[in-house]
């Protein structure tokens, strides 16, 4: 009989409910599959009283930071919350994390919970995963942290981190596999109707290529033109001519104010346009390539795999469904 393990999840005000309930359900199902109470599940709050989640649902914590622990925590996870990257919390939170992390066997985060660990200095020199929408922010704010933007979850020593929201289930399932073996983990996945190993990374869900235009008005106009006309000639010379700038001056300003080279922005915008078409039932491969400015379907495929992580055909299958009819998946 294996020794029981206490899993503690820190939930801050405004927490994303699924960041807490998802992992808890995975561990609870592992208990059900083994017929034991192997996992002891605890929600940790930062103060007395209920924790209001981002959806409005309230959680009652089992423990409060600073409180004397009755159980030794084996695994500590920090749940994410919308806008947690910009939220200022009591310094007691990071102090507690710095104090408790060295005492546990494993620690980590789900989604933007990585920001709290980073603020506590616990991610320096580590590889981590977080939600694709805040991955750049985490990397820029904490340059000592190596962010894996496409990863669903990452294991680095005692550290375990997951990407956005539902990736917390994937991470928890991986922890069950570590603790109880592959067969139990497979049974948990089957019961919860989830992938045992999710295909692809999280970039397939990213909408980074559809970001709002930035920079001075002339550059924003150029970005809107690119997004609206992906099949047009979008060379630097043509774009510079639209803004009334020389090609060299346009390229330099674009890099400075937008943060990427014009050619990179064009490619990302074209892939974003292709994604929208691929989510349609009537998208033909050559048609998608032509309407989005790619020379042919092979060129589209290469760019798509590089930026999204999967092929256009696989993306369409996942977005439309395996049973859908159409030119990418004829029935």
C-alpha atoms as a PDB file:
ATOM      1  CA  UNK A   1       0.000   0.000   0.000  1.00  0.00           C
ATOM      2  CA  UNK A   2       1.514   3.283  -1.090  1.00  0.00           C
ATOM      3  CA  UNK A   3       1.741   6.170   1.346  1.00  0.00           C
ATOM      4  CA  UNK A   4      -1.066   8.712   0.990  1.00  0.00           C
ATOM      5  CA  UNK A   5      -0.212  12.015  -0.687  1.00  0.00           C
ATOM      6  CA  UNK A   6      -1.650  15.444   0.010  1.00  0.00           C
ATOM      7  CA  UNK A   7      -2.262  17.551  -3.087  1.00  0.00           C
ATOM      8  CA  UNK A   8      -2.710  21.243  -2.266  1.00  0.00           C
ATOM      9  CA  UNK A   9      -3.903  23.837  -4.780  1.00  0.00           C
ATOM     10  CA  UNK A  10      -3.435  27.535  -3.977  1.00  0.00           C
ATOM     11  CA  UNK A  11      -6.446  29.531  -5.174  1.00  0.00           C
ATOM     12  CA  UNK A  12      -6.259  33.329  -5.131  1.00  0.00           C
ATOM     13  CA  UNK A  13      -9.254  35.690  -5.408  1.00  0.00           C
ATOM     14  CA  UNK A  14     -10.659  35.627  -8.954  1.00  0.00           C
ATOM     15  CA  UNK A  15      -9.209  32.182  -9.618  1.00  0.00           C
ATOM     16  CA  UNK A  16     -10.203  30.332 -12.799  1.00  0.00           C
ATOM     17  CA  UNK A  17     -12.472  27.648 -11.396  1.00  0.00           C
ATOM     18  CA  UNK A  18     -11.361  24.911 -13.800  1.00  0.00           C
ATOM     19  CA  UNK A  19      -7.724  25.467 -12.788  1.00  0.00           C
ATOM     20  CA  UNK A  20      -8.778  24.154  -9.383  1.00  0.00           C
ATOM     21  CA  UNK A  21     -11.668  21.772 -10.063  1.00  0.00           C
ATOM     22  CA  UNK A  22     -10.069  20.119 -13.120  1.00  0.00           C
ATOM     23  CA  UNK A  23      -6.962  18.784 -11.349  1.00  0.00           C
ATOM     24  CA  UNK A  24      -9.002  17.882  -8.255  1.00  0.00           C
ATOM     25  CA  UNK A  25     -11.363  15.767 -10.368  1.00  0.00           C
ATOM     26  CA  UNK A  26      -8.429  13.932 -11.973  1.00  0.00           C
ATOM     27  CA  UNK A  27      -6.940  13.062  -8.593  1.00  0.00           C
ATOM     28  CA  UNK A  28     -10.366  12.144  -7.186  1.00  0.00           C
ATOM     29  CA  UNK A  29     -10.954   9.802 -10.134  1.00  0.00           C
ATOM     30  CA  UNK A  30      -7.574   8.180  -9.482  1.00  0.00           C
ATOM     31  CA  UNK A  31      -8.799   7.459  -5.954  1.00  0.00           C
ATOM     32  CA  UNK A  32     -11.997   5.966  -7.390  1.00  0.00           C
ATOM     33  CA  UNK A  33     -10.081   3.799  -9.886  1.00  0.00           C
ATOM     34  CA  UNK A  34      -7.783   2.402  -7.180  1.00  0.00           C
ATOM     35  CA  UNK A  35     -10.482   2.104  -4.528  1.00  0.00           C
ATOM     36  CA  UNK A  36      -8.323   4.026  -2.058  1.00  0.00           C
ATOM     37  CA  UNK A  37      -7.921   7.541  -0.673  1.00  0.00           C
ATOM     38  CA  UNK A  38      -4.372   7.729  -2.026  1.00  0.00           C
ATOM     39  CA  UNK A  39      -4.717  11.445  -2.747  1.00  0.00           C
ATOM     40  CA  UNK A  40      -5.802  13.795   0.033  1.00  0.00           C
ATOM     41  CA  UNK A  41      -7.088  16.943  -1.710  1.00  0.00           C
ATOM     42  CA  UNK A  42      -6.832  20.420  -0.209  1.00  0.00           C
ATOM     43  CA  UNK A  43      -7.643  23.931  -1.468  1.00  0.00           C
ATOM     44  CA  UNK A  44      -5.465  26.667   0.032  1.00  0.00           C
ATOM     45  CA  UNK A  45      -6.693  30.251   0.354  1.00  0.00           C
ATOM     46  CA  UNK A  46      -4.808  33.430   1.202  1.00  0.00           C
ATOM     47  CA  UNK A  47      -7.301  34.510   3.862  1.00  0.00           C
ATOM     48  CA  UNK A  48     -10.293  33.445   5.894  1.00  0.00           C
ATOM     49  CA  UNK A  49     -13.655  33.090   4.157  1.00  0.00           C
ATOM     50  CA  UNK A  50     -14.697  31.948   0.712  1.00  0.00           C
ATOM     51  CA  UNK A  51     -12.720  32.463  -2.490  1.00  0.00           C
ATOM     52  CA  UNK A  52     -14.743  34.051  -5.279  1.00  0.00           C
ATOM     53  CA  UNK A  53     -13.741  32.611  -8.647  1.00  0.00           C
ATOM     54  CA  UNK A  54     -13.757  34.487 -11.961  1.00  0.00           C
ATOM     55  CA  UNK A  55     -17.113  32.856 -12.794  1.00  0.00           C
ATOM     56  CA  UNK A  56     -18.631  33.985  -9.504  1.00  0.00           C
ATOM     57  CA  UNK A  57     -18.687  30.528  -7.939  1.00  0.00           C
ATOM     58  CA  UNK A  58     -17.274  30.526  -4.420  1.00  0.00           C
ATOM     59  CA  UNK A  59     -14.814  28.007  -2.984  1.00  0.00           C
ATOM     60  CA  UNK A  60     -14.265  27.221   0.677  1.00  0.00           C
ATOM     61  CA  UNK A  61     -10.561  26.687   1.380  1.00  0.00           C
ATOM     62  CA  UNK A  62      -9.377  23.806   3.539  1.00  0.00           C
ATOM     63  CA  UNK A  63      -6.239  25.684   4.566  1.00  0.00           C
ATOM     64  CA  UNK A  64      -5.068  29.299   4.746  1.00  0.00           C
ATOM     65  CA  UNK A  65      -1.474  30.364   4.065  1.00  0.00           C
ATOM     66  CA  UNK A  66       0.477  30.826   7.249  1.00  0.00           C
ATOM     67  CA  UNK A  67      -1.733  28.331   9.053  1.00  0.00           C
ATOM     68  CA  UNK A  68      -0.025  25.417  10.760  1.00  0.00           C
ATOM     69  CA  UNK A  69      -0.332  22.391   8.502  1.00  0.00           C
ATOM     70  CA  UNK A  70      -1.896  19.199   9.832  1.00  0.00           C
ATOM     71  CA  UNK A  71      -0.774  17.248   6.729  1.00  0.00           C
ATOM     72  CA  UNK A  72       2.576  17.288   4.978  1.00  0.00           C
ATOM     73  CA  UNK A  73       2.020  18.626   1.462  1.00  0.00           C
ATOM     74  CA  UNK A  74       3.420  16.316  -1.189  1.00  0.00           C
ATOM     75  CA  UNK A  75       2.455  18.354  -4.268  1.00  0.00           C
ATOM     76  CA  UNK A  76       1.627  22.061  -4.383  1.00  0.00           C
ATOM     77  CA  UNK A  77       0.004  23.618  -7.453  1.00  0.00           C
ATOM     78  CA  UNK A  78      -0.793  27.295  -7.952  1.00  0.00           C
ATOM     79  CA  UNK A  79      -3.993  27.898  -9.919  1.00  0.00           C
ATOM     80  CA  UNK A  80      -4.233  30.713 -12.453  1.00  0.00           C
ATOM     81  CA  UNK A  81      -6.656  33.606 -12.688  1.00  0.00           C
ATOM     82  CA  UNK A  82      -7.581  36.120 -15.409  1.00  0.00           C
ATOM     83  CA  UNK A  83      -5.281  39.158 -15.178  1.00  0.00           C
ATOM     84  CA  UNK A  84      -3.123  37.488 -12.528  1.00  0.00           C
ATOM     85  CA  UNK A  85      -0.051  38.802 -14.341  1.00  0.00           C
ATOM     86  CA  UNK A  86      -1.130  42.367 -13.481  1.00  0.00           C
ATOM     87  CA  UNK A  87      -2.652  41.621 -10.073  1.00  0.00           C
ATOM     88  CA  UNK A  88      -0.842  42.798  -6.954  1.00  0.00           C
ATOM     89  CA  UNK A  89      -1.272  40.372  -4.073  1.00  0.00           C
ATOM     90  CA  UNK A  90      -0.179  40.596  -0.465  1.00  0.00           C
ATOM     91  CA  UNK A  91       3.557  39.830  -0.142  1.00  0.00           C
ATOM     92  CA  UNK A  92       2.557  37.087   2.285  1.00  0.00           C
ATOM     93  CA  UNK A  93       1.621  34.986  -0.742  1.00  0.00           C
ATOM     94  CA  UNK A  94       5.084  34.971  -2.316  1.00  0.00           C
ATOM     95  CA  UNK A  95       6.700  34.692   1.111  1.00  0.00           C
ATOM     96  CA  UNK A  96       4.616  31.580   1.797  1.00  0.00           C
ATOM     97  CA  UNK A  97       5.471  30.078  -1.584  1.00  0.00           C
ATOM     98  CA  UNK A  98       9.186  30.614  -0.984  1.00  0.00           C
ATOM     99  CA  UNK A  99       8.827  28.980   2.420  1.00  0.00           C
ATOM    100  CA  UNK A 100       6.715  25.990   1.389  1.00  0.00           C
ATOM    101  CA  UNK A 101       8.263  25.098  -2.000  1.00  0.00           C
ATOM    102  CA  UNK A 102      11.494  23.619  -0.570  1.00  0.00           C
ATOM    103  CA  UNK A 103       9.485  21.338   1.743  1.00  0.00           C
ATOM    104  CA  UNK A 104       7.319  19.620  -0.887  1.00  0.00           C
ATOM    105  CA  UNK A 105       8.203  16.793  -3.265  1.00  0.00           C
ATOM    106  CA  UNK A 106       6.718  18.598  -6.276  1.00  0.00           C
ATOM    107  CA  UNK A 107       5.388  22.061  -6.937  1.00  0.00           C
ATOM    108  CA  UNK A 108       4.075  23.875  -9.963  1.00  0.00           C
ATOM    109  CA  UNK A 109       1.291  25.849 -11.553  1.00  0.00           C
ATOM    110  CA  UNK A 110      -1.640  25.809 -13.902  1.00  0.00           C
ATOM    111  CA  UNK A 111      -2.059  28.543 -16.521  1.00  0.00           C
ATOM    112  CA  UNK A 112      -1.116  32.026 -15.249  1.00  0.00           C
ATOM    113  CA  UNK A 113      -0.377  30.620 -11.804  1.00  0.00           C
ATOM    114  CA  UNK A 114       3.210  30.546 -13.105  1.00  0.00           C
ATOM    115  CA  UNK A 115       3.387  34.303 -12.496  1.00  0.00           C
ATOM    116  CA  UNK A 116       3.076  33.830  -8.729  1.00  0.00           C
ATOM    117  CA  UNK A 117       5.877  31.274  -8.737  1.00  0.00           C
ATOM    118  CA  UNK A 118       7.972  33.618 -10.878  1.00  0.00           C
ATOM    119  CA  UNK A 119       7.326  36.543  -8.519  1.00  0.00           C
ATOM    120  CA  UNK A 120       8.539  34.329  -5.690  1.00  0.00           C
ATOM    121  CA  UNK A 121      11.746  33.628  -7.628  1.00  0.00           C
ATOM    122  CA  UNK A 122      10.968  29.926  -7.896  1.00  0.00           C
ATOM    123  CA  UNK A 123      11.164  29.708 -11.699  1.00  0.00           C
ATOM    124  CA  UNK A 124      14.617  31.215 -12.272  1.00  0.00           C
ATOM    125  CA  UNK A 125      16.665  28.964 -14.528  1.00  0.00           C
ATOM    126  CA  UNK A 126      13.668  26.711 -15.143  1.00  0.00           C
ATOM    127  CA  UNK A 127      11.699  25.633 -18.207  1.00  0.00           C
ATOM    128  CA  UNK A 128       7.981  26.302 -17.817  1.00  0.00           C
ATOM    129  CA  UNK A 129       4.631  26.276 -19.591  1.00  0.00           C
ATOM    130  CA  UNK A 130       1.841  28.824 -19.251  1.00  0.00           C
ATOM    131  CA  UNK A 131      -1.156  29.987 -21.285  1.00  0.00           C
ATOM    132  CA  UNK A 132      -0.149  31.024 -24.804  1.00  0.00           C
ATOM    133  CA  UNK A 133      -1.758  34.457 -24.350  1.00  0.00           C
ATOM    134  CA  UNK A 134       0.604  35.377 -21.484  1.00  0.00           C
ATOM    135  CA  UNK A 135       3.677  33.361 -22.474  1.00  0.00           C
ATOM    136  CA  UNK A 136       5.462  36.366 -24.004  1.00  0.00           C
ATOM    137  CA  UNK A 137       4.607  38.504 -20.987  1.00  0.00           C
ATOM    138  CA  UNK A 138       6.033  35.917 -18.597  1.00  0.00           C
ATOM    139  CA  UNK A 139       9.215  35.580 -20.656  1.00  0.00           C
ATOM    140  CA  UNK A 140       9.716  39.338 -20.917  1.00  0.00           C
ATOM    141  CA  UNK A 141       8.899  40.100 -17.283  1.00  0.00           C
ATOM    142  CA  UNK A 142      11.070  37.286 -15.941  1.00  0.00           C
ATOM    143  CA  UNK A 143      14.003  36.858 -18.356  1.00  0.00           C
ATOM    144  CA  UNK A 144      15.621  34.183 -16.154  1.00  0.00           C
ATOM    145  CA  UNK A 145      12.661  31.906 -16.922  1.00  0.00           C
ATOM    146  CA  UNK A 146      12.603  29.809 -20.116  1.00  0.00           C
ATOM    147  CA  UNK A 147       9.029  29.690 -21.391  1.00  0.00           C
ATOM    148  CA  UNK A 148       8.028  26.811 -23.691  1.00  0.00           C
ATOM    149  CA  UNK A 149       5.231  28.514 -25.679  1.00  0.00           C
ATOM    150  CA  UNK A 150       3.842  25.392 -27.368  1.00  0.00           C
ATOM    151  CA  UNK A 151       4.016  22.997 -24.424  1.00  0.00           C
ATOM    152  CA  UNK A 152       0.848  21.602 -22.825  1.00  0.00           C
ATOM    153  CA  UNK A 153       2.823  20.888 -19.668  1.00  0.00           C
ATOM    154  CA  UNK A 154       6.498  20.825 -18.709  1.00  0.00           C
ATOM    155  CA  UNK A 155       8.456  18.789 -16.183  1.00  0.00           C
ATOM    156  CA  UNK A 156      11.701  20.306 -14.912  1.00  0.00           C
ATOM    157  CA  UNK A 157      13.109  18.622 -11.827  1.00  0.00           C
ATOM    158  CA  UNK A 158      10.596  19.040  -8.990  1.00  0.00           C
ATOM    159  CA  UNK A 159       8.734  21.668 -11.004  1.00  0.00           C
ATOM    160  CA  UNK A 160       5.575  20.887 -13.008  1.00  0.00           C
ATOM    161  CA  UNK A 161       3.804  23.599 -15.008  1.00  0.00           C
ATOM    162  CA  UNK A 162       0.786  23.498 -17.314  1.00  0.00           C
ATOM    163  CA  UNK A 163      -0.529  25.721 -20.077  1.00  0.00           C
ATOM    164  CA  UNK A 164      -4.002  27.242 -20.054  1.00  0.00           C
ATOM    165  CA  UNK A 165      -6.979  25.978 -18.076  1.00  0.00           C
ATOM    166  CA  UNK A 166      -7.799  22.471 -19.390  1.00  0.00           C
ATOM    167  CA  UNK A 167      -4.069  21.721 -19.591  1.00  0.00           C
ATOM    168  CA  UNK A 168      -4.291  21.406 -15.813  1.00  0.00           C
ATOM    169  CA  UNK A 169      -6.108  18.117 -16.409  1.00  0.00           C
ATOM    170  CA  UNK A 170      -3.279  16.922 -18.683  1.00  0.00           C
ATOM    171  CA  UNK A 171      -0.699  17.841 -16.048  1.00  0.00           C
ATOM    172  CA  UNK A 172      -2.653  16.135 -13.267  1.00  0.00           C
ATOM    173  CA  UNK A 173      -3.018  12.995 -15.364  1.00  0.00           C
ATOM    174  CA  UNK A 174       0.755  12.983 -15.890  1.00  0.00           C
ATOM    175  CA  UNK A 175       1.214  13.240 -12.107  1.00  0.00           C
ATOM    176  CA  UNK A 176      -1.157  10.290 -11.618  1.00  0.00           C
ATOM    177  CA  UNK A 177       0.926   8.320 -14.101  1.00  0.00           C
ATOM    178  CA  UNK A 178       4.077   9.214 -12.148  1.00  0.00           C
ATOM    179  CA  UNK A 179       2.526   8.093  -8.870  1.00  0.00           C
ATOM    180  CA  UNK A 180       0.267   5.169  -9.760  1.00  0.00           C
ATOM    181  CA  UNK A 181       1.418   3.987 -13.164  1.00  0.00           C
ATOM    182  CA  UNK A 182       0.219   4.156 -16.747  1.00  0.00           C
ATOM    183  CA  UNK A 183      -2.662   1.724 -16.420  1.00  0.00           C
ATOM    184  CA  UNK A 184      -4.379   3.731 -13.676  1.00  0.00           C
ATOM    185  CA  UNK A 185      -3.788   6.953 -15.600  1.00  0.00           C
ATOM    186  CA  UNK A 186      -5.325   5.437 -18.732  1.00  0.00           C
ATOM    187  CA  UNK A 187      -8.409   4.384 -16.769  1.00  0.00           C
ATOM    188  CA  UNK A 188      -8.740   7.894 -15.342  1.00  0.00           C
ATOM    189  CA  UNK A 189      -8.489   9.406 -18.831  1.00  0.00           C
ATOM    190  CA  UNK A 190     -11.106   6.995 -20.182  1.00  0.00           C
ATOM    191  CA  UNK A 191     -13.534   7.730 -17.351  1.00  0.00           C
ATOM    192  CA  UNK A 192     -13.122  11.498 -17.767  1.00  0.00           C
ATOM    193  CA  UNK A 193     -13.357  11.228 -21.587  1.00  0.00           C
ATOM    194  CA  UNK A 194     -10.048  13.001 -22.137  1.00  0.00           C
ATOM    195  CA  UNK A 195      -6.916  12.272 -24.147  1.00  0.00           C
ATOM    196  CA  UNK A 196      -4.328  10.173 -22.331  1.00  0.00           C
ATOM    197  CA  UNK A 197      -1.732  12.158 -24.297  1.00  0.00           C
ATOM    198  CA  UNK A 198      -3.204  15.214 -26.014  1.00  0.00           C
ATOM    199  CA  UNK A 199      -2.161  15.476 -29.693  1.00  0.00           C
ATOM    200  CA  UNK A 200      -0.219  18.593 -30.623  1.00  0.00           C
ATOM    201  CA  UNK A 201       0.752  21.582 -28.525  1.00  0.00           C
ATOM    202  CA  UNK A 202      -1.169  24.652 -27.428  1.00  0.00           C
ATOM    203  CA  UNK A 203      -0.210  26.841 -30.395  1.00  0.00           C
ATOM    204  CA  UNK A 204      -3.063  25.204 -32.322  1.00  0.00           C
ATOM    205  CA  UNK A 205      -5.374  27.253 -30.053  1.00  0.00           C
ATOM    206  CA  UNK A 206      -3.339  30.461 -30.122  1.00  0.00           C
ATOM    207  CA  UNK A 207      -4.756  33.548 -31.816  1.00  0.00           C
ATOM    208  CA  UNK A 208      -1.519  35.540 -31.637  1.00  0.00           C
ATOM    209  CA  UNK A 209      -1.599  36.222 -35.364  1.00  0.00           C
ATOM    210  CA  UNK A 210      -4.860  38.114 -34.879  1.00  0.00           C
ATOM    211  CA  UNK A 211      -3.512  40.691 -32.421  1.00  0.00           C
ATOM    212  CA  UNK A 212      -4.764  44.283 -32.614  1.00  0.00           C
ATOM    213  CA  UNK A 213      -2.632  46.609 -34.762  1.00  0.00           C
ATOM    214  CA  UNK A 214       0.027  48.565 -32.882  1.00  0.00           C
ATOM    215  CA  UNK A 215       2.413  51.414 -33.577  1.00  0.00           C
ATOM    216  CA  UNK A 216       1.829  54.773 -35.253  1.00  0.00           C
ATOM    217  CA  UNK A 217      -1.293  55.250 -37.337  1.00  0.00           C
ATOM    218  CA  UNK A 218       0.438  54.610 -40.679  1.00  0.00           C
ATOM    219  CA  UNK A 219       1.753  51.269 -39.451  1.00  0.00           C
ATOM    220  CA  UNK A 220      -1.620  50.312 -37.986  1.00  0.00           C
ATOM    221  CA  UNK A 221      -3.250  51.045 -41.329  1.00  0.00           C
ATOM    222  CA  UNK A 222      -0.677  48.795 -42.998  1.00  0.00           C
ATOM    223  CA  UNK A 223      -1.422  45.987 -40.529  1.00  0.00           C
ATOM    224  CA  UNK A 224      -5.164  46.289 -41.135  1.00  0.00           C
ATOM    225  CA  UNK A 225      -4.557  46.186 -44.884  1.00  0.00           C
ATOM    226  CA  UNK A 226      -2.437  43.045 -44.535  1.00  0.00           C
ATOM    227  CA  UNK A 227      -5.063  41.295 -42.403  1.00  0.00           C
ATOM    228  CA  UNK A 228      -7.890  42.240 -44.778  1.00  0.00           C
ATOM    229  CA  UNK A 229      -5.977  41.443 -47.982  1.00  0.00           C
ATOM    230  CA  UNK A 230      -3.685  38.456 -47.325  1.00  0.00           C
ATOM    231  CA  UNK A 231      -3.652  37.405 -50.992  1.00  0.00           C
ATOM    232  CA  UNK A 232      -2.309  40.776 -52.208  1.00  0.00           C
ATOM    233  CA  UNK A 233       1.326  41.602 -52.934  1.00  0.00           C
ATOM    234  CA  UNK A 234       2.526  42.338 -49.386  1.00  0.00           C
ATOM    235  CA  UNK A 235       6.155  42.999 -50.132  1.00  0.00           C
ATOM    236  CA  UNK A 236       7.965  45.685 -48.161  1.00  0.00           C
ATOM    237  CA  UNK A 237       8.072  47.861 -51.264  1.00  0.00           C
ATOM    238  CA  UNK A 238       4.287  47.711 -51.734  1.00  0.00           C
ATOM    239  CA  UNK A 239       3.536  48.249 -48.046  1.00  0.00           C
ATOM    240  CA  UNK A 240       6.008  51.110 -47.803  1.00  0.00           C
ATOM    241  CA  UNK A 241       4.374  52.763 -50.792  1.00  0.00           C
ATOM    242  CA  UNK A 242       0.967  52.604 -49.046  1.00  0.00           C
ATOM    243  CA  UNK A 243       2.384  54.403 -46.014  1.00  0.00           C
ATOM    244  CA  UNK A 244       4.338  57.000 -47.976  1.00  0.00           C
ATOM    245  CA  UNK A 245       7.660  55.821 -46.555  1.00  0.00           C
ATOM    246  CA  UNK A 246      10.782  54.463 -48.166  1.00  0.00           C
ATOM    247  CA  UNK A 247      11.089  50.652 -47.959  1.00  0.00           C
ATOM    248  CA  UNK A 248      14.120  50.910 -45.679  1.00  0.00           C
ATOM    249  CA  UNK A 249      12.452  53.431 -43.331  1.00  0.00           C
ATOM    250  CA  UNK A 250       9.218  51.429 -43.280  1.00  0.00           C
ATOM    251  CA  UNK A 251      11.001  48.171 -42.404  1.00  0.00           C
ATOM    252  CA  UNK A 252      12.980  49.844 -39.611  1.00  0.00           C
ATOM    253  CA  UNK A 253       9.914  51.550 -38.063  1.00  0.00           C
ATOM    254  CA  UNK A 254       7.820  48.401 -38.336  1.00  0.00           C
ATOM    255  CA  UNK A 255      10.458  46.356 -36.510  1.00  0.00           C
ATOM    256  CA  UNK A 256      10.824  49.008 -33.796  1.00  0.00           C
ATOM    257  CA  UNK A 257       7.146  49.727 -33.149  1.00  0.00           C
ATOM    258  CA  UNK A 258       5.441  46.415 -33.943  1.00  0.00           C
ATOM    259  CA  UNK A 259       8.176  44.200 -32.552  1.00  0.00           C
ATOM    260  CA  UNK A 260       8.636  41.889 -35.544  1.00  0.00           C
ATOM    261  CA  UNK A 261       9.816  42.228 -39.136  1.00  0.00           C
ATOM    262  CA  UNK A 262       7.133  43.031 -41.745  1.00  0.00           C
ATOM    263  CA  UNK A 263       7.630  39.646 -43.427  1.00  0.00           C
ATOM    264  CA  UNK A 264       7.016  37.857 -40.116  1.00  0.00           C
ATOM    265  CA  UNK A 265       3.826  39.838 -39.477  1.00  0.00           C
ATOM    266  CA  UNK A 266       2.620  39.080 -43.015  1.00  0.00           C
ATOM    267  CA  UNK A 267       3.232  35.350 -42.613  1.00  0.00           C
ATOM    268  CA  UNK A 268       1.429  35.271 -39.240  1.00  0.00           C
ATOM    269  CA  UNK A 269      -1.510  37.225 -40.682  1.00  0.00           C
ATOM    270  CA  UNK A 270      -1.750  34.872 -43.647  1.00  0.00           C
ATOM    271  CA  UNK A 271      -1.738  31.824 -41.384  1.00  0.00           C
ATOM    272  CA  UNK A 272      -4.416  33.483 -39.212  1.00  0.00           C
ATOM    273  CA  UNK A 273      -6.544  34.007 -42.323  1.00  0.00           C
ATOM    274  CA  UNK A 274      -5.979  30.380 -43.325  1.00  0.00           C
ATOM    275  CA  UNK A 275      -7.144  29.238 -39.898  1.00  0.00           C
ATOM    276  CA  UNK A 276     -10.412  31.105 -40.308  1.00  0.00           C
ATOM    277  CA  UNK A 277     -11.005  29.529 -43.719  1.00  0.00           C
ATOM    278  CA  UNK A 278     -10.090  26.069 -42.445  1.00  0.00           C
ATOM    279  CA  UNK A 279     -12.825  26.402 -39.840  1.00  0.00           C
ATOM    280  CA  UNK A 280     -15.313  26.555 -42.729  1.00  0.00           C
ATOM    281  CA  UNK A 281     -16.968  23.440 -44.146  1.00  0.00           C
ATOM    282  CA  UNK A 282     -16.239  24.546 -47.717  1.00  0.00           C
ATOM    283  CA  UNK A 283     -12.490  25.158 -47.578  1.00  0.00           C
ATOM    284  CA  UNK A 284     -10.497  23.534 -50.396  1.00  0.00           C
ATOM    285  CA  UNK A 285      -6.700  23.184 -49.895  1.00  0.00           C
ATOM    286  CA  UNK A 286      -5.669  25.082 -53.038  1.00  0.00           C
ATOM    287  CA  UNK A 287      -8.375  27.661 -52.447  1.00  0.00           C
ATOM    288  CA  UNK A 288      -7.169  28.337 -48.894  1.00  0.00           C
ATOM    289  CA  UNK A 289      -3.575  28.699 -50.068  1.00  0.00           C
ATOM    290  CA  UNK A 290      -4.529  31.066 -52.901  1.00  0.00           C
ATOM    291  CA  UNK A 291      -6.908  33.220 -50.853  1.00  0.00           C
ATOM    292  CA  UNK A 292      -4.331  33.622 -48.114  1.00  0.00           C
ATOM    293  CA  UNK A 293      -1.364  34.557 -50.268  1.00  0.00           C
ATOM    294  CA  UNK A 294       0.563  31.284 -50.331  1.00  0.00           C
ATOM    295  CA  UNK A 295       2.083  30.055 -53.576  1.00  0.00           C
ATOM    296  CA  UNK A 296       0.577  26.595 -53.162  1.00  0.00           C
ATOM    297  CA  UNK A 297      -0.803  24.135 -50.620  1.00  0.00           C
ATOM    298  CA  UNK A 298       2.695  22.876 -49.721  1.00  0.00           C
ATOM    299  CA  UNK A 299       3.876  26.393 -48.869  1.00  0.00           C
ATOM    300  CA  UNK A 300       0.783  26.877 -46.716  1.00  0.00           C
ATOM    301  CA  UNK A 301       1.417  23.566 -44.993  1.00  0.00           C
ATOM    302  CA  UNK A 302       5.016  24.430 -44.096  1.00  0.00           C
ATOM    303  CA  UNK A 303       4.104  27.843 -42.701  1.00  0.00           C
ATOM    304  CA  UNK A 304       1.119  26.412 -40.838  1.00  0.00           C
ATOM    305  CA  UNK A 305       3.136  23.652 -39.171  1.00  0.00           C
ATOM    306  CA  UNK A 306       5.842  26.131 -38.164  1.00  0.00           C
ATOM    307  CA  UNK A 307       3.409  28.573 -36.521  1.00  0.00           C
ATOM    308  CA  UNK A 308       0.554  26.342 -35.336  1.00  0.00           C
ATOM    309  CA  UNK A 309       2.384  23.078 -34.745  1.00  0.00           C
ATOM    310  CA  UNK A 310       0.075  20.838 -36.814  1.00  0.00           C
ATOM    311  CA  UNK A 311      -0.876  20.523 -40.480  1.00  0.00           C
ATOM    312  CA  UNK A 312      -3.811  22.443 -41.993  1.00  0.00           C
ATOM    313  CA  UNK A 313      -5.668  19.160 -42.540  1.00  0.00           C
ATOM    314  CA  UNK A 314      -5.240  18.112 -38.911  1.00  0.00           C
ATOM    315  CA  UNK A 315      -6.249  21.583 -37.717  1.00  0.00           C
ATOM    316  CA  UNK A 316      -9.431  21.485 -39.760  1.00  0.00           C
ATOM    317  CA  UNK A 317     -10.223  18.000 -38.499  1.00  0.00           C
ATOM    318  CA  UNK A 318      -9.946  19.181 -34.890  1.00  0.00           C
ATOM    319  CA  UNK A 319     -11.909  22.381 -35.426  1.00  0.00           C
ATOM    320  CA  UNK A 320     -14.690  20.911 -37.607  1.00  0.00           C
ATOM    321  CA  UNK A 321     -14.754  17.366 -36.276  1.00  0.00           C
ATOM    322  CA  UNK A 322     -13.602  14.020 -37.607  1.00  0.00           C
ATOM    323  CA  UNK A 323     -17.027  13.230 -39.003  1.00  0.00           C
ATOM    324  CA  UNK A 324     -17.503  16.424 -40.973  1.00  0.00           C
ATOM    325  CA  UNK A 325     -17.765  16.295 -44.762  1.00  0.00           C
ATOM    326  CA  UNK A 326     -15.706  18.505 -46.999  1.00  0.00           C
ATOM    327  CA  UNK A 327     -12.662  18.655 -49.262  1.00  0.00           C
ATOM    328  CA  UNK A 328     -10.181  18.151 -46.383  1.00  0.00           C
ATOM    329  CA  UNK A 329     -12.058  15.173 -44.985  1.00  0.00           C
ATOM    330  CA  UNK A 330     -14.289  13.660 -47.688  1.00  0.00           C
ATOM    331  CA  UNK A 331     -16.780  11.024 -46.565  1.00  0.00           C
END
